[in-house]
Amino acid sequence: MSTKEKTYPNGVNVEQLAETVNAIKDNPELAQFNFRASTKWLGGGHSRTTIKGFYGAGQEDDSRTNEFVLDGDEPPVLLGSDNAPNAVESVLQALASCLTVGFSYNAAAQGINVKNLEFDLEGKIDLHGFLGLSDKIRPGYKDISLKYRVDCDAPPEKVEELWAHVKKTSPVLDMLSNPVPVTISNGR
């Protein structure tokens, strides 16, 4: 059977996933990745980010033939032109995307067929921090709530066990839950 004819559980090549895990166990340096993005201001609250290359698995990755383009803006109530989601909305998308990957990949590795997976997310922000009106209020989310709906062929206790693992290993959930050092410098 050719690769094109193979069917992968949840669209995940479990054999390649296992090979990747084993390669990293054998050579821990392969786990080091550097992702990059470049952003240009387009006026007002509108910006455009391009993403293409990254370093991973011990080398510069050039497998992407096209760059990804992501716009950001603000809604009119926050003085934007509503060309795209704002940055904090994009954080919600990043969290859901990361949890989707974690759940579907880990489910596939365990032989669990996922028929449907959906998320509803809500993040609460008090603009006093963002607008510099209070140094006692954080400028970011006060909290994020996420509800998921999953239809899969595993019993509820197995689904809960899988979610516990996904929450423990999600890079974006980790970044939102723990401080990450950010260095800001003039690139001139």
Protein backbone atom coordinates (compact mmCIF):
# COMPACT_ATOMS: atom_id res chain seq x y z
CA MET A 1 0.00 0.00 0.00
CA SER A 2 1.48 3.37 -0.99
CA THR A 3 1.73 6.28 1.42
CA LYS A 4 -1.04 8.09 -0.45
CA GLU A 5 -3.35 5.11 0.06
CA LYS A 6 -2.65 4.75 3.79
CA THR A 7 -5.30 5.87 6.21
CA TYR A 8 -4.06 7.56 9.35
CA PRO A 9 -6.10 7.67 12.57
CA ASN A 10 -7.32 11.25 13.04
CA GLY A 11 -5.17 12.22 10.04
CA VAL A 12 -1.99 11.50 12.03
CA ASN A 13 0.87 9.35 10.73
CA VAL A 14 1.33 7.42 13.97
CA GLU A 15 4.33 5.52 12.61
CA GLN A 16 6.14 8.79 11.84
CA LEU A 17 5.10 10.16 15.24
CA ALA A 18 6.69 7.15 16.96
CA GLU A 19 9.83 7.53 14.83
CA THR A 20 10.08 11.19 15.83
CA VAL A 21 9.71 10.38 19.53
CA ASN A 22 12.35 7.64 19.29
CA ALA A 23 14.75 9.88 17.33
CA ILE A 24 14.50 12.54 20.06
CA LYS A 25 15.04 9.92 22.77
CA ASP A 26 18.21 8.81 20.93
CA ASN A 27 19.40 12.35 20.18
CA PRO A 28 17.92 14.95 22.57
CA GLU A 29 19.38 17.85 20.52
CA LEU A 30 16.77 17.12 17.83
CA ALA A 31 14.10 18.46 20.19
CA GLN A 32 15.45 22.04 19.99
CA PHE A 33 13.33 24.24 17.70
CA ASN A 34 13.45 27.99 16.96
CA PHE A 35 10.33 29.43 15.37
CA ARG A 36 10.40 32.88 13.79
CA ALA A 37 7.96 35.51 12.62
CA SER A 38 8.33 38.96 11.04
CA THR A 39 5.70 41.65 11.52
CA LYS A 40 5.18 44.94 9.69
CA TRP A 41 2.88 47.72 10.82
CA LEU A 42 0.37 48.70 8.12
CA GLY A 43 -1.19 51.72 9.85
CA GLY A 44 -3.52 52.26 12.78
CA GLY A 45 -3.90 48.97 14.62
CA HIS A 46 -3.31 46.87 11.49
CA SER A 47 -0.20 44.71 11.18
CA ARG A 48 0.86 41.80 9.00
CA THR A 49 3.00 38.90 10.19
CA THR A 50 4.77 36.49 7.86
CA ILE A 51 6.00 33.08 8.95
CA LYS A 52 8.02 30.67 6.86
CA GLY A 53 11.34 29.25 7.98
CA PHE A 54 12.31 27.72 11.29
CA TYR A 55 15.11 25.71 12.81
CA GLY A 56 14.27 22.22 14.04
CA ALA A 57 15.39 18.61 14.17
CA GLY A 58 19.01 19.71 13.98
CA GLN A 59 18.80 21.87 10.87
CA GLU A 60 17.21 24.83 9.16
CA ASP A 61 13.87 23.63 7.78
CA ASP A 62 13.14 24.67 4.19
CA SER A 63 10.15 22.38 3.58
CA ARG A 64 7.68 25.27 3.39
CA THR A 65 7.43 26.64 -0.13
CA ASN A 66 5.02 29.43 0.82
CA GLU A 67 4.97 31.77 3.77
CA PHE A 68 1.97 32.05 6.07
CA VAL A 69 0.46 35.51 6.38
CA LEU A 70 -1.45 36.50 9.49
CA ASP A 71 -3.01 39.91 9.93
CA GLY A 72 -3.87 41.58 13.20
CA ASP A 73 -6.03 44.62 13.87
CA GLU A 74 -8.48 45.95 16.42
CA PRO A 75 -12.26 46.26 16.30
CA PRO A 76 -13.63 49.78 15.75
CA VAL A 77 -14.49 50.18 19.46
CA LEU A 78 -10.72 49.87 20.09
CA LEU A 79 -9.92 52.33 17.26
CA GLY A 80 -9.07 49.70 14.66
CA SER A 81 -10.39 49.01 11.17
CA ASP A 82 -11.48 45.43 11.92
CA ASN A 83 -9.26 43.92 9.21
CA ALA A 84 -8.44 40.88 11.34
CA PRO A 85 -8.68 39.49 14.88
CA ASN A 86 -6.75 41.38 17.51
CA ALA A 87 -3.73 39.90 19.25
CA VAL A 88 -5.58 38.66 22.32
CA GLU A 89 -8.15 36.92 20.09
CA SER A 90 -5.26 35.30 18.23
CA VAL A 91 -3.99 33.97 21.56
CA LEU A 92 -7.32 32.17 22.01
CA GLN A 93 -6.93 30.67 18.53
CA ALA A 94 -3.36 29.60 19.31
CA LEU A 95 -4.49 27.87 22.51
CA ALA A 96 -7.32 25.99 20.78
CA SER A 97 -5.04 25.04 17.88
CA CYS A 98 -2.38 23.69 20.24
CA LEU A 99 -4.92 21.68 22.24
CA THR A 100 -6.41 20.32 19.01
CA VAL A 101 -3.00 19.02 17.92
CA GLY A 102 -2.28 17.59 21.36
CA PHE A 103 -5.61 15.81 21.65
CA SER A 104 -5.84 14.45 18.11
CA TYR A 105 -2.19 13.28 17.98
CA ASN A 106 -2.26 11.63 21.39
CA ALA A 107 -5.65 10.06 20.69
CA ALA A 108 -4.29 8.63 17.43
CA ALA A 109 -1.22 7.24 19.22
CA GLN A 110 -3.58 5.48 21.64
CA GLY A 111 -5.83 4.16 18.87
CA ILE A 112 -8.70 6.49 19.74
CA ASN A 113 -10.75 7.63 16.75
CA VAL A 114 -11.85 11.27 17.09
CA LYS A 115 -15.02 12.02 15.14
CA ASN A 116 -15.44 15.63 16.26
CA LEU A 117 -13.55 18.10 18.46
CA GLU A 118 -14.72 21.66 19.11
CA PHE A 119 -13.79 24.46 21.50
CA ASP A 120 -15.47 27.59 22.82
CA LEU A 121 -13.05 30.02 24.44
CA GLU A 122 -13.50 33.27 26.30
CA GLY A 123 -10.83 35.55 27.70
CA LYS A 124 -11.59 38.41 30.10
CA ILE A 125 -9.54 41.62 30.04
CA ASP A 126 -9.86 44.82 32.02
CA LEU A 127 -8.61 47.64 29.77
CA HIS A 128 -7.42 49.71 32.74
CA GLY A 129 -4.08 47.89 32.56
CA PHE A 130 -3.68 48.13 28.76
CA LEU A 131 -4.58 51.84 28.74
CA GLY A 132 -2.13 52.59 31.55
CA LEU A 133 -4.93 53.73 33.87
CA SER A 134 -3.94 51.35 36.65
CA ASP A 135 -0.70 49.66 37.52
CA LYS A 136 -2.62 47.29 39.79
CA ILE A 137 -4.49 45.64 36.90
CA ARG A 138 -2.67 43.36 34.47
CA PRO A 139 -2.87 44.44 30.81
CA GLY A 140 -3.45 40.84 29.69
CA TYR A 141 -6.19 38.33 30.26
CA LYS A 142 -7.47 38.02 33.83
CA ASP A 143 -8.62 34.52 32.98
CA ILE A 144 -9.45 32.30 30.05
CA SER A 145 -12.23 29.74 30.07
CA LEU A 146 -12.36 26.95 27.55
CA LYS A 147 -15.08 24.39 26.96
CA TYR A 148 -14.52 21.44 24.68
CA ARG A 149 -16.85 19.00 22.99
CA VAL A 150 -15.39 15.75 21.80
CA ASP A 151 -16.99 12.79 20.09
CA CYS A 152 -14.65 9.81 20.05
CA ASP A 153 -14.66 6.07 20.54
CA ALA A 154 -13.18 6.12 24.05
CA PRO A 155 -14.96 5.88 27.40
CA PRO A 156 -15.28 9.13 29.42
CA GLU A 157 -12.56 8.13 31.92
CA LYS A 158 -10.09 7.54 29.06
CA VAL A 159 -11.01 10.94 27.55
CA GLU A 160 -10.35 12.63 30.91
CA GLU A 161 -7.02 10.83 31.19
CA LEU A 162 -6.12 11.98 27.68
CA TRP A 163 -7.09 15.59 28.50
CA ALA A 164 -4.91 15.50 31.62
CA HIS A 165 -1.94 14.47 29.46
CA VAL A 166 -2.71 17.10 26.79
CA LYS A 167 -2.97 19.87 29.39
CA LYS A 168 0.36 18.78 30.90
CA THR A 169 2.17 18.79 27.53
CA SER A 170 0.59 21.74 25.65
CA PRO A 171 3.23 24.38 24.78
CA VAL A 172 0.70 27.22 24.43
CA LEU A 173 -1.14 26.33 27.64
CA ASP A 174 2.24 26.25 29.37
CA MET A 175 3.17 29.68 27.97
CA LEU A 176 -0.14 31.14 29.16
CA SER A 177 0.14 29.54 32.59
CA ASN A 178 3.79 30.34 33.34
CA PRO A 179 5.89 33.45 32.82
CA VAL A 180 8.06 33.32 29.69
CA PRO A 181 11.07 35.65 29.48
CA VAL A 182 10.70 38.05 26.55
CA THR A 183 13.64 40.16 25.40
CA ILE A 184 12.77 43.37 23.54
CA SER A 185 15.56 45.26 21.76
CA ASN A 186 16.05 47.76 18.97
CA GLY A 187 16.87 45.80 15.80
CA ARG A 188 18.77 48.60 14.10
